[in-house]
Amino acid sequence: MMLLALSGIRLDAQDADVARAVWRGDVQEALHLGLGRLDRVASGERDRLAVLGQVLVQALLVAGREEQAEELVQKQLRLFEGMPRSQVRWMSSMDRGFLFLHLNKPGRAAETFNVVADAEDAPVALRIEALAGLAKAMQAVGEHRRATRTLAHAVNLAASSTPVVQRLLEAIGLELRTARWLRQFDDLGGSACDGAMERVTATTLRASAATLQSMPGVVQRLHFLAALMEPGLGQPGGTAEVFDILRWCRERRLVQMEERGRVEAALALLEQGNGHAASELLGSLGVDDVRQQHHRHAIELRYCASRLHAMQGRHADALRCYRQHAQLTLTRLRSELTRVPYSRFLEHQERAEQSDADQLRLPLRYRRAYQFILDQLHDKTLSVRRIAAEIDVTERALQMAFRTHLGLTPAEVIRRLRMTCIRTELQHLSGRESVLSVASRWGMANRSTLAQNYRQQFGETPTATSALISLAEGASRIDLRDRAIDRIADRV
C-alpha cells in the first residue's frame, strides 16, 4: 500500500482523482476510474498513460488481480513503443519489479528495481520509487543492512521533494523495521537474537500515521503495525484493532493487504504465546498443508504451523513443518540471494565510509579536498588544479599536505580510488559490460593508461578481472549460505 501511495504522487492533475482514491484505500474505485481512462486517452499522451498504467498495475496487485496486472504490463510494453529507449527500460523495469515483489520473488525484484535505482539520469521521482522498492526486496531476501542504506539514499534524493514524499519514506522505513522484527525467527545474521535489533514502538508508528492523514490507506497500515507492536496484543481483547483493520481491508477488497496482515498478525501473536488467536486469524490457511506450501507466504506459514503444532503438543508434526520451513528458506537463499544486484550508489557509500580514516589524517581544510575527490571521481576533468581551487589553496600546498599526511600525491589518490572502483564493478558485472565502458564511468577513457595503472596496482589486466567471477563475492555468498544452513540445522 505504501509503495502504491508513493507512485500515486506522480499522477498529474489530470489523474488526481485516481491518486486520491488510492490514498483513501479505495483501490476498486481507482481501478474503475483509471482502467476506463487508459482506453479513452489519446495515444499521444504516452507519458501520462505510462504513469497511470504503472499505478494501476500496482493497484491490481493490491486487489489480488494478478492476471489482469500481468496483462496490463504487456499492454504497457506496447504503449512504450516510440518512447526513448532508456525511458522504456526504466518504466518496464518498474512494472516487472512490482510484479516480482508481489509474487514474493525478492531477488528478481531487486534486479529489476536496481536498473532504475542505479540510473543517475533517470527522473528523481522514479528513482525514489525504485529505491523504496529495492529496499523492500533487499529486506525480504535478508539483506537488512543494504535495505537500510538503500532507503537512506532514497531519503537523500527526496530532500528537495514535497514533505509528503519524505514522510512516506519515513513510514516505509518503519514498516521495514517492523517487518524485520516480526520475522526475527528468520534472521540469519543473528542480530535479532543478540538484542542488536531495536523494536519499533507502537507510539512511533502512530506518530508517523498522524503526519499522513491525507492518505487514509497508509494510516490504516501504520495503525495495523502499531497494533501488532502493542505489549497487550496477546491479552484478551488485545486483537480488536487488528480485526477491525483486517475487516476494513476486506470491505475494500484489498486482498494482498489483508492476506499479508493476517500472516504478520499471526507471527506477532505466536511471539506472545497466543496460539488460539493466531489460528483464528489464519483460518483455513493455517491448517491446509498443500495450500501453505504453494502460497507466496509459504515460509512464514510453515513456521506458524510448526509453532501451532508445538503449542498443541504435536511435536512430530511441529518438527515436520519446521523442516519444510527450513527447506523453503534454503531454497529462497539459493534462488534469490544470488540475484541481489551490484549497486553503484551503495558502492559509493561504502567507499566514502572506508575513506573516512584517510580523511581524518588530513588537516581540516584538506579533508574537504579529499571529499571533493570522492564526489568528482567519475569526472574525467578532475585535476589537482581544480581540487586546489575548490578549497582555495595553491597546488603546491595541496601536494605537500597529501604527501605529508597520506604518503601519496592527490593524483595518486585519484588513480588508486578509480582503479579500485573499476575493479569492483568488473568483478560484479562479470563481463556483462566492456572494460572501457566501465572505466569511462570513472573518468578513465584511455585504454593504455588504464591497463598500465591497473596492472601496477593489482598485478593483472582489467580484462583478466572481467573474465572471472569475483572470488571474494563467491566466498561471501558461500559463507552466508553455510551459516544459514548451520543456524537452521541447530534449530531443527
Protein backbone atom coordinates (compact mmCIF):
# COMPACT_ATOMS: atom_id res chain seq x y z
CA MET A 1 0.00 0.00 0.00
CA MET A 2 2.83 2.42 0.82
CA LEU A 3 4.62 1.87 -2.49
CA LEU A 4 1.31 2.32 -4.28
CA ALA A 5 0.70 5.60 -2.41
CA LEU A 6 4.21 6.76 -3.33
CA SER A 7 3.59 6.01 -7.02
CA GLY A 8 0.28 7.87 -6.88
CA ILE A 9 2.14 11.11 -6.16
CA ARG A 10 3.46 11.05 -9.74
CA LEU A 11 -0.04 11.24 -11.21
CA ASP A 12 -0.55 14.73 -12.61
CA ALA A 13 -3.58 16.93 -12.05
CA GLN A 14 -5.48 15.20 -14.86
CA ASP A 15 -5.49 11.93 -12.90
CA ALA A 16 -5.58 13.36 -9.38
CA ASP A 17 -8.92 11.62 -8.72
CA VAL A 18 -7.23 8.23 -9.22
CA ALA A 19 -4.44 9.24 -6.84
CA ARG A 20 -6.92 10.38 -4.18
CA ALA A 21 -8.84 7.10 -4.45
CA VAL A 22 -5.57 5.18 -4.00
CA TRP A 23 -4.63 7.24 -0.94
CA ARG A 24 -8.05 6.64 0.63
CA GLY A 25 -7.57 2.91 0.16
CA ASP A 26 -10.45 2.78 -2.33
CA VAL A 27 -8.45 0.74 -4.83
CA GLN A 28 -11.52 -0.60 -6.64
CA GLU A 29 -12.69 2.95 -7.35
CA ALA A 30 -9.18 3.88 -8.56
CA LEU A 31 -9.25 0.91 -10.94
CA HIS A 32 -12.73 1.81 -12.18
CA LEU A 33 -11.61 5.37 -12.95
CA GLY A 34 -8.17 4.52 -14.31
CA LEU A 35 -8.76 1.44 -16.46
CA GLY A 36 -11.53 3.13 -18.39
CA ARG A 37 -9.35 6.19 -18.86
CA LEU A 38 -6.47 4.16 -20.31
CA ASP A 39 -8.66 3.20 -23.26
CA ARG A 40 -10.06 6.71 -23.81
CA VAL A 41 -6.99 8.95 -23.53
CA ALA A 42 -5.28 9.84 -26.80
CA SER A 43 -2.22 7.76 -27.63
CA GLY A 44 -0.21 10.96 -28.00
CA GLU A 45 -0.19 11.33 -24.21
CA ARG A 46 2.23 8.43 -23.75
CA ASP A 47 4.00 9.79 -20.69
CA ARG A 48 0.75 10.36 -18.83
CA LEU A 49 -0.59 6.92 -19.81
CA ALA A 50 2.66 5.24 -18.76
CA VAL A 51 2.48 6.68 -15.24
CA LEU A 52 -1.24 5.94 -14.90
CA GLY A 53 -0.64 2.40 -16.12
CA GLN A 54 2.09 1.84 -13.55
CA VAL A 55 -0.15 2.95 -10.70
CA LEU A 56 -2.95 0.70 -11.97
CA VAL A 57 -0.59 -2.31 -12.21
CA GLN A 58 0.18 -1.90 -8.51
CA ALA A 59 -3.50 -1.33 -7.68
CA LEU A 60 -4.43 -4.58 -9.44
CA LEU A 61 -1.78 -6.43 -7.44
CA VAL A 62 -3.02 -4.96 -4.15
CA ALA A 63 -6.52 -6.09 -5.14
CA GLY A 64 -5.25 -9.62 -5.80
CA ARG A 65 -5.92 -9.46 -9.54
CA GLU A 66 -2.53 -10.80 -10.68
CA GLU A 67 -3.58 -11.99 -14.14
CA GLN A 68 -5.04 -8.61 -15.05
CA ALA A 69 -1.90 -6.94 -13.72
CA GLU A 70 0.29 -9.08 -15.99
CA GLU A 71 -1.96 -8.32 -18.96
CA LEU A 72 -1.67 -4.60 -18.22
CA VAL A 73 2.12 -4.91 -18.04
CA GLN A 74 2.11 -6.42 -21.54
CA LYS A 75 -0.19 -3.64 -22.73
CA GLN A 76 2.19 -1.11 -21.23
CA LEU A 77 5.07 -2.54 -23.30
CA ARG A 78 3.13 -1.80 -26.49
CA LEU A 79 2.39 1.70 -25.20
CA PHE A 80 6.12 2.32 -24.60
CA GLU A 81 6.86 1.88 -28.31
CA GLY A 82 8.14 5.16 -29.68
CA MET A 83 9.40 6.39 -26.33
CA PRO A 84 13.17 6.91 -25.78
CA ARG A 85 14.97 3.63 -25.21
CA SER A 86 16.19 4.49 -21.72
CA GLN A 87 12.69 5.51 -20.64
CA VAL A 88 11.26 2.24 -21.93
CA ARG A 89 13.87 0.36 -19.90
CA TRP A 90 13.07 2.28 -16.72
CA MET A 91 9.30 2.02 -16.99
CA SER A 92 9.25 -1.67 -17.90
CA SER A 93 11.73 -2.44 -15.11
CA MET A 94 9.46 -0.74 -12.56
CA ASP A 95 6.43 -2.73 -13.73
CA ARG A 96 8.31 -6.04 -13.52
CA GLY A 97 9.77 -5.08 -10.15
CA PHE A 98 6.31 -4.61 -8.64
CA LEU A 99 5.17 -7.93 -10.13
CA PHE A 100 8.13 -9.84 -8.72
CA LEU A 101 7.76 -8.18 -5.33
CA HIS A 102 4.09 -9.17 -5.19
CA LEU A 103 4.93 -12.77 -6.18
CA ASN A 104 7.49 -12.85 -3.33
CA LYS A 105 10.49 -13.16 -5.64
CA PRO A 106 12.64 -10.52 -3.97
CA GLY A 107 15.89 -11.35 -5.76
CA ARG A 108 14.34 -10.80 -9.18
CA ALA A 109 12.53 -7.72 -7.90
CA ALA A 110 15.85 -6.31 -6.67
CA GLU A 111 17.44 -6.90 -10.07
CA THR A 112 14.74 -5.00 -11.92
CA PHE A 113 14.34 -2.14 -9.44
CA ASN A 114 18.11 -1.65 -9.45
CA VAL A 115 18.03 -0.85 -13.18
CA VAL A 116 16.27 2.41 -12.28
CA ALA A 117 17.83 2.94 -8.84
CA ASP A 118 21.33 2.92 -10.33
CA ALA A 119 20.46 5.15 -13.30
CA GLU A 120 21.62 8.65 -12.37
CA ASP A 121 19.92 10.11 -15.47
CA ALA A 122 16.50 8.69 -14.51
CA PRO A 123 13.85 11.11 -13.16
CA VAL A 124 14.32 11.68 -9.43
CA ALA A 125 10.73 10.72 -8.55
CA LEU A 126 11.10 7.43 -10.41
CA ARG A 127 14.45 6.69 -8.75
CA ILE A 128 12.95 7.33 -5.32
CA GLU A 129 10.21 4.78 -6.02
CA ALA A 130 12.75 2.29 -7.37
CA LEU A 131 14.94 2.71 -4.30
CA ALA A 132 11.95 2.16 -2.00
CA GLY A 133 11.03 -0.99 -3.93
CA LEU A 134 14.66 -2.14 -3.88
CA ALA A 135 14.81 -1.62 -0.11
CA LYS A 136 11.73 -3.81 0.36
CA ALA A 137 13.23 -6.50 -1.88
CA MET A 138 16.54 -6.40 -0.01
CA GLN A 139 14.71 -6.71 3.29
CA ALA A 140 12.74 -9.72 2.04
CA VAL A 141 15.90 -11.53 0.97
CA GLY A 142 17.58 -10.90 4.33
CA GLU A 143 19.95 -8.11 3.27
CA HIS A 144 18.88 -5.82 6.12
CA ARG A 145 21.92 -3.54 6.09
CA ARG A 146 21.64 -2.92 2.35
CA ALA A 147 17.91 -2.33 2.71
CA THR A 148 18.56 0.38 5.30
CA ARG A 149 21.25 2.01 3.16
CA THR A 150 19.08 1.88 0.06
CA LEU A 151 16.16 3.60 1.76
CA ALA A 152 18.54 6.18 3.25
CA HIS A 153 19.68 7.01 -0.29
CA ALA A 154 16.04 7.48 -1.31
CA VAL A 155 15.59 9.86 1.62
CA ASN A 156 18.63 11.87 0.50
CA LEU A 157 17.26 12.12 -3.04
CA ALA A 158 13.90 13.24 -1.64
CA ALA A 159 15.43 16.15 0.27
CA SER A 160 14.10 18.58 -2.37
CA SER A 161 10.80 16.73 -2.86
CA THR A 162 7.48 17.52 -1.22
CA PRO A 163 7.12 16.86 2.53
CA VAL A 164 4.59 14.09 1.87
CA VAL A 165 7.22 12.09 -0.08
CA GLN A 166 9.64 12.43 2.82
CA ARG A 167 7.01 11.36 5.34
CA LEU A 168 6.05 8.37 3.20
CA LEU A 169 9.67 7.24 3.01
CA GLU A 170 9.90 7.54 6.78
CA ALA A 171 6.78 5.38 7.08
CA ILE A 172 8.26 2.79 4.70
CA GLY A 173 11.37 2.69 6.88
CA LEU A 174 9.23 1.99 9.95
CA GLU A 175 7.35 -0.70 8.05
CA LEU A 176 10.63 -2.40 7.09
CA ARG A 177 11.88 -2.34 10.68
CA THR A 178 8.59 -3.74 11.96
CA ALA A 179 8.56 -6.48 9.32
CA ARG A 180 12.09 -7.44 10.29
CA TRP A 181 11.12 -7.72 13.94
CA LEU A 182 8.11 -9.88 13.06
CA ARG A 183 10.37 -12.17 11.03
CA GLN A 184 13.11 -12.38 13.65
CA PHE A 185 12.78 -16.18 13.53
CA ASP A 186 14.34 -15.94 10.07
CA ASP A 187 17.16 -13.50 10.91
CA LEU A 188 20.17 -15.47 9.67
CA GLY A 189 22.63 -12.87 10.90
CA GLY A 190 21.51 -13.41 14.49
CA SER A 191 21.05 -9.71 15.26
CA ALA A 192 17.51 -10.31 16.46
CA CYS A 193 18.77 -12.85 18.94
CA ASP A 194 21.58 -10.81 20.38
CA GLY A 195 19.40 -7.78 21.05
CA ALA A 196 21.04 -5.55 18.43
CA MET A 197 17.77 -5.02 16.58
CA GLU A 198 15.69 -2.20 18.03
CA ARG A 199 11.96 -2.87 18.16
CA VAL A 200 9.73 -0.19 16.66
CA THR A 201 7.23 1.05 19.23
CA ALA A 202 3.52 1.47 18.66
CA THR A 203 3.86 5.13 19.64
CA THR A 204 6.38 5.77 16.85
CA LEU A 205 4.14 4.13 14.25
CA ARG A 206 1.06 6.08 15.35
CA ALA A 207 3.04 9.32 15.32
CA SER A 208 4.04 8.62 11.71
CA ALA A 209 0.38 7.91 10.86
CA ALA A 210 -0.60 11.31 12.30
CA THR A 211 1.61 13.03 9.67
CA LEU A 212 -0.11 11.26 6.76
CA GLN A 213 -3.78 11.99 7.42
CA SER A 214 -4.30 12.80 3.73
CA MET A 215 -3.62 9.12 2.97
CA PRO A 216 -6.10 7.04 5.00
CA GLY A 217 -4.93 3.80 3.36
CA VAL A 218 -1.38 4.36 4.61
CA VAL A 219 -2.71 5.45 8.02
CA GLN A 220 -4.60 2.16 8.36
CA ARG A 221 -1.45 0.22 7.52
CA LEU A 222 0.58 2.10 10.14
CA HIS A 223 -2.12 1.66 12.78
CA PHE A 224 -2.23 -2.05 11.97
CA LEU A 225 1.54 -2.37 12.52
CA ALA A 226 1.21 -0.31 15.71
CA ALA A 227 -1.45 -2.73 16.98
CA LEU A 228 0.97 -5.62 16.41
CA MET A 229 3.62 -3.83 18.48
CA GLU A 230 1.32 -3.21 21.45
CA PRO A 231 2.52 -5.14 24.54
CA GLY A 232 -1.03 -6.30 25.27
CA LEU A 233 -1.69 -7.83 21.85
CA GLY A 234 -1.80 -11.36 23.25
CA GLN A 235 -4.18 -10.43 26.10
CA PRO A 236 -7.99 -10.78 25.95
CA GLY A 237 -9.38 -8.02 23.74
CA GLY A 238 -5.90 -7.09 22.51
CA THR A 239 -6.65 -8.09 18.93
CA ALA A 240 -9.76 -5.91 18.47
CA GLU A 241 -7.97 -3.24 16.44
CA VAL A 242 -6.22 -5.90 14.33
CA PHE A 243 -9.53 -7.50 13.37
CA ASP A 244 -11.13 -4.09 12.72
CA ILE A 245 -8.42 -3.12 10.21
CA LEU A 246 -8.50 -6.54 8.52
CA ARG A 247 -12.27 -6.07 8.15
CA TRP A 248 -11.59 -2.63 6.64
CA CYS A 249 -9.26 -4.29 4.11
CA ARG A 250 -11.81 -6.96 3.27
CA GLU A 251 -14.60 -4.41 2.71
CA ARG A 252 -12.39 -2.62 0.17
CA ARG A 253 -11.21 -5.90 -1.35
CA LEU A 254 -7.57 -5.17 -0.57
CA VAL A 255 -6.72 -8.85 -0.91
CA GLN A 256 -2.94 -8.52 -0.71
CA MET A 257 -3.01 -6.17 2.27
CA GLU A 258 -5.47 -8.38 4.18
CA GLU A 259 -3.58 -11.59 3.43
CA ARG A 260 -0.24 -10.15 4.40
CA GLY A 261 -1.77 -8.61 7.53
CA ARG A 262 -3.15 -11.96 8.69
CA VAL A 263 0.26 -13.61 8.38
CA GLU A 264 2.00 -10.72 10.19
CA ALA A 265 -0.58 -10.72 12.97
CA ALA A 266 -0.22 -14.49 13.40
CA LEU A 267 3.56 -14.12 13.76
CA ALA A 268 3.14 -11.37 16.36
CA LEU A 269 0.58 -13.39 18.34
CA LEU A 270 2.73 -16.52 18.30
CA GLU A 271 5.61 -14.44 19.64
CA GLN A 272 3.36 -13.57 22.61
CA GLY A 273 2.22 -17.18 23.03
CA ASN A 274 -1.38 -16.67 21.86
CA GLY A 275 -1.80 -19.64 19.51
CA HIS A 276 -5.61 -19.57 19.63
CA ALA A 277 -5.86 -16.03 18.20
CA ALA A 278 -3.14 -16.78 15.64
CA SER A 279 -5.04 -19.85 14.45
CA GLU A 280 -8.27 -17.84 14.26
CA LEU A 281 -6.56 -15.20 12.12
CA LEU A 282 -5.09 -17.70 9.66
CA GLY A 283 -8.34 -19.65 9.34
CA SER A 284 -8.22 -22.50 6.83
CA LEU A 285 -4.84 -21.25 5.65
CA GLY A 286 -3.37 -22.28 8.99
CA VAL A 287 -4.24 -26.00 8.61
CA ASP A 288 -4.13 -26.64 4.85
CA ASP A 289 -0.65 -28.11 4.27
CA VAL A 290 -0.91 -28.26 0.48
CA ARG A 291 -2.16 -24.70 0.17
CA GLN A 292 0.53 -23.43 2.55
CA GLN A 293 3.42 -24.95 0.61
CA HIS A 294 2.33 -23.29 -2.64
CA HIS A 295 1.49 -19.93 -1.08
CA ARG A 296 3.52 -16.75 -1.64
CA HIS A 297 3.99 -16.58 2.14
CA ALA A 298 4.90 -20.27 2.41
CA ILE A 299 7.99 -19.67 4.59
CA GLU A 300 6.04 -17.76 7.23
CA LEU A 301 3.04 -20.11 7.07
CA ARG A 302 5.11 -23.25 7.63
CA TYR A 303 6.77 -21.56 10.58
CA CYS A 304 3.36 -20.65 12.03
CA ALA A 305 2.16 -24.22 11.51
CA SER A 306 5.22 -25.53 13.35
CA ARG A 307 4.63 -23.21 16.32
CA LEU A 308 0.91 -24.05 16.46
CA HIS A 309 1.58 -27.80 16.44
CA ALA A 310 4.18 -27.37 19.19
CA MET A 311 1.71 -25.43 21.35
CA GLN A 312 -0.79 -28.28 20.93
CA GLY A 313 1.79 -30.89 21.97
CA ARG A 314 2.04 -32.39 18.46
CA HIS A 315 5.82 -32.33 18.35
CA ALA A 316 6.28 -34.72 15.41
CA ASP A 317 4.07 -32.51 13.23
CA ALA A 318 5.86 -29.42 14.56
CA LEU A 319 9.24 -30.85 13.55
CA ARG A 320 7.92 -31.85 10.11
CA CYS A 321 6.59 -28.34 9.45
CA TYR A 322 9.78 -26.74 10.70
CA ARG A 323 11.89 -28.88 8.39
CA GLN A 324 9.71 -27.77 5.49
CA HIS A 325 10.12 -24.16 6.65
CA ALA A 326 13.91 -24.65 6.74
CA GLN A 327 13.94 -26.20 3.27
CA LEU A 328 11.89 -23.34 1.83
CA THR A 329 14.26 -20.85 3.47
CA LEU A 330 17.29 -22.54 1.91
CA THR A 331 15.60 -22.61 -1.47
CA ARG A 332 14.99 -18.88 -1.14
CA LEU A 333 18.67 -18.33 -0.36
CA ARG A 334 19.81 -20.33 -3.37
CA SER A 335 17.36 -18.90 -5.87
CA GLU A 336 17.02 -15.29 -4.72
CA LEU A 337 20.17 -14.24 -2.87
CA THR A 338 22.33 -14.92 -5.91
CA ARG A 339 20.25 -12.38 -7.84
CA VAL A 340 20.97 -9.49 -5.47
CA PRO A 341 22.42 -6.85 -7.81
CA TYR A 342 25.51 -4.73 -7.66
CA SER A 343 24.58 -1.09 -6.95
CA ARG A 344 26.89 1.80 -7.78
CA PHE A 345 25.17 4.12 -5.31
CA LEU A 346 25.75 1.62 -2.48
CA GLU A 347 29.35 1.16 -3.56
CA HIS A 348 29.80 4.94 -3.38
CA GLN A 349 28.51 4.93 0.21
CA GLU A 350 30.81 2.06 1.16
CA ARG A 351 33.79 3.82 -0.41
CA ALA A 352 33.03 7.04 1.45
CA GLU A 353 32.93 5.18 4.78
CA GLN A 354 36.16 3.34 4.05
CA SER A 355 37.84 6.65 3.20
CA ASP A 356 36.88 8.30 6.49
CA ALA A 357 40.10 7.14 8.14
CA ASP A 358 42.21 8.71 5.39
CA GLN A 359 40.29 11.95 5.60
CA LEU A 360 40.81 12.19 9.35
CA ARG A 361 44.57 12.01 8.85
CA LEU A 362 44.45 15.25 6.87
CA PRO A 363 44.19 18.78 8.30
CA LEU A 364 40.62 20.08 8.36
CA ARG A 365 40.88 22.18 5.18
CA TYR A 366 42.35 19.31 3.19
CA ARG A 367 39.64 16.92 4.27
CA ARG A 368 37.37 18.98 2.04
CA ALA A 369 39.76 18.30 -0.80
CA TYR A 370 39.57 14.55 -0.19
CA GLN A 371 35.77 14.69 -0.12
CA PHE A 372 35.77 16.66 -3.36
CA ILE A 373 37.84 13.90 -4.94
CA LEU A 374 35.31 11.28 -3.82
CA ASP A 375 32.39 13.31 -5.14
CA GLN A 376 34.00 14.05 -8.51
CA LEU A 377 35.82 10.77 -9.05
CA HIS A 378 33.70 9.97 -12.12
CA ASP A 379 34.60 13.29 -13.80
CA LYS A 380 37.41 12.87 -16.34
CA THR A 381 38.29 16.58 -16.00
CA LEU A 382 39.13 16.17 -12.28
CA SER A 383 42.62 17.57 -11.70
CA VAL A 384 44.93 18.80 -8.96
CA ARG A 385 44.32 22.36 -10.16
CA ARG A 386 40.53 22.00 -9.75
CA ILE A 387 40.89 20.48 -6.30
CA ALA A 388 43.24 23.27 -5.14
CA ALA A 389 40.84 25.91 -6.49
CA GLU A 390 37.91 24.24 -4.71
CA ILE A 391 39.50 24.70 -1.27
CA ASP A 392 41.35 27.91 -2.18
CA VAL A 393 44.96 26.76 -1.72
CA THR A 394 47.92 26.55 -4.08
CA GLU A 395 48.64 23.33 -5.94
CA ARG A 396 51.98 23.07 -4.13
CA ALA A 397 50.31 23.35 -0.69
CA LEU A 398 47.81 20.67 -1.68
CA GLN A 399 50.57 18.36 -2.91
CA MET A 400 52.59 18.83 0.29
CA ALA A 401 49.63 18.21 2.61
CA PHE A 402 48.65 14.96 0.88
CA ARG A 403 52.21 13.69 0.66
CA THR A 404 52.93 14.55 4.31
CA HIS A 405 49.79 13.04 5.83
CA LEU A 406 48.87 10.26 3.38
CA GLY A 407 52.17 9.46 1.71
CA LEU A 408 50.52 9.95 -1.70
CA THR A 409 50.00 12.87 -4.04
CA PRO A 410 46.42 13.90 -4.94
CA ALA A 411 46.93 12.42 -8.41
CA GLU A 412 47.96 9.09 -6.90
CA VAL A 413 44.93 9.11 -4.60
CA ILE A 414 42.64 9.72 -7.58
CA ARG A 415 44.29 6.96 -9.59
CA ARG A 416 44.11 4.42 -6.77
CA LEU A 417 40.48 5.16 -5.99
CA ARG A 418 39.49 4.96 -9.65
CA MET A 419 41.27 1.65 -10.15
CA THR A 420 39.57 0.23 -7.06
CA CYS A 421 36.12 1.33 -8.31
CA ILE A 422 36.75 -0.09 -11.77
CA ARG A 423 37.91 -3.40 -10.30
CA THR A 424 34.83 -3.64 -8.07
CA GLU A 425 32.47 -3.11 -10.98
CA LEU A 426 34.32 -5.57 -13.23
CA GLN A 427 34.11 -8.24 -10.54
CA HIS A 428 30.38 -7.78 -10.03
CA LEU A 429 29.38 -7.30 -13.65
CA SER A 430 31.32 -10.42 -14.75
CA GLY A 431 31.72 -9.50 -18.41
CA ARG A 432 28.28 -8.00 -18.97
CA GLU A 433 29.87 -4.68 -19.97
CA SER A 434 33.09 -3.85 -21.77
CA VAL A 435 36.10 -2.84 -19.73
CA LEU A 436 36.28 0.56 -21.41
CA SER A 437 32.62 1.41 -20.75
CA VAL A 438 33.09 0.61 -17.06
CA ALA A 439 36.32 2.63 -16.92
CA SER A 440 34.65 5.57 -18.66
CA ARG A 441 32.17 5.88 -15.80
CA TRP A 442 35.14 6.53 -13.53
CA GLY A 443 36.85 9.15 -15.69
CA MET A 444 39.27 6.77 -17.47
CA ALA A 445 38.92 6.91 -21.26
CA ASN A 446 42.44 5.94 -22.35
CA ARG A 447 42.86 2.18 -22.74
CA SER A 448 46.65 2.06 -22.46
CA THR A 449 46.74 4.30 -19.37
CA LEU A 450 44.03 2.19 -17.79
CA ALA A 451 45.88 -1.08 -18.46
CA GLN A 452 49.17 0.29 -17.13
CA ASN A 453 47.71 1.74 -13.92
CA TYR A 454 45.51 -1.30 -13.29
CA ARG A 455 48.36 -3.79 -13.71
CA GLN A 456 50.60 -1.69 -11.47
CA GLN A 457 48.00 -1.71 -8.68
CA PHE A 458 46.55 -5.22 -8.95
CA GLY A 459 49.11 -7.26 -10.89
CA GLU A 460 46.70 -8.24 -13.65
CA THR A 461 44.89 -6.66 -16.59
CA PRO A 462 41.33 -5.37 -16.34
CA THR A 463 40.31 -7.92 -18.98
CA ALA A 464 41.57 -10.76 -16.78
CA THR A 465 39.46 -9.47 -13.89
CA SER A 466 36.42 -9.11 -16.11
CA ALA A 467 36.70 -12.72 -17.29
CA LEU A 468 36.45 -14.14 -13.77
CA ILE A 469 33.67 -14.06 -11.19
CA SER A 470 34.92 -12.33 -8.10
CA LEU A 471 36.31 -14.93 -5.71
CA ALA A 472 35.53 -12.67 -2.79
CA GLU A 473 31.92 -12.38 -3.90
CA GLY A 474 31.61 -16.13 -4.34
CA ALA A 475 33.20 -16.82 -0.95
CA SER A 476 30.89 -14.32 0.72
CA ARG A 477 27.78 -16.00 -0.69
CA ILE A 478 29.02 -19.48 0.17
CA ASP A 479 29.82 -18.34 3.70
CA LEU A 480 26.37 -16.79 4.10
CA ARG A 481 24.70 -19.96 2.85
CA ASP A 482 26.82 -22.17 5.12
CA ARG A 483 25.98 -20.01 8.14
CA ALA A 484 22.30 -20.19 7.21
CA ILE A 485 22.46 -23.98 6.98
CA ASP A 486 24.25 -24.21 10.32
CA ARG A 487 21.68 -21.99 12.05
CA ILE A 488 18.73 -23.90 10.61
CA ALA A 489 20.33 -27.25 11.49
CA ASP A 490 20.77 -26.02 15.07
CA ARG A 491 17.09 -25.08 15.27
CA VAL A 492 15.92 -28.45 13.92
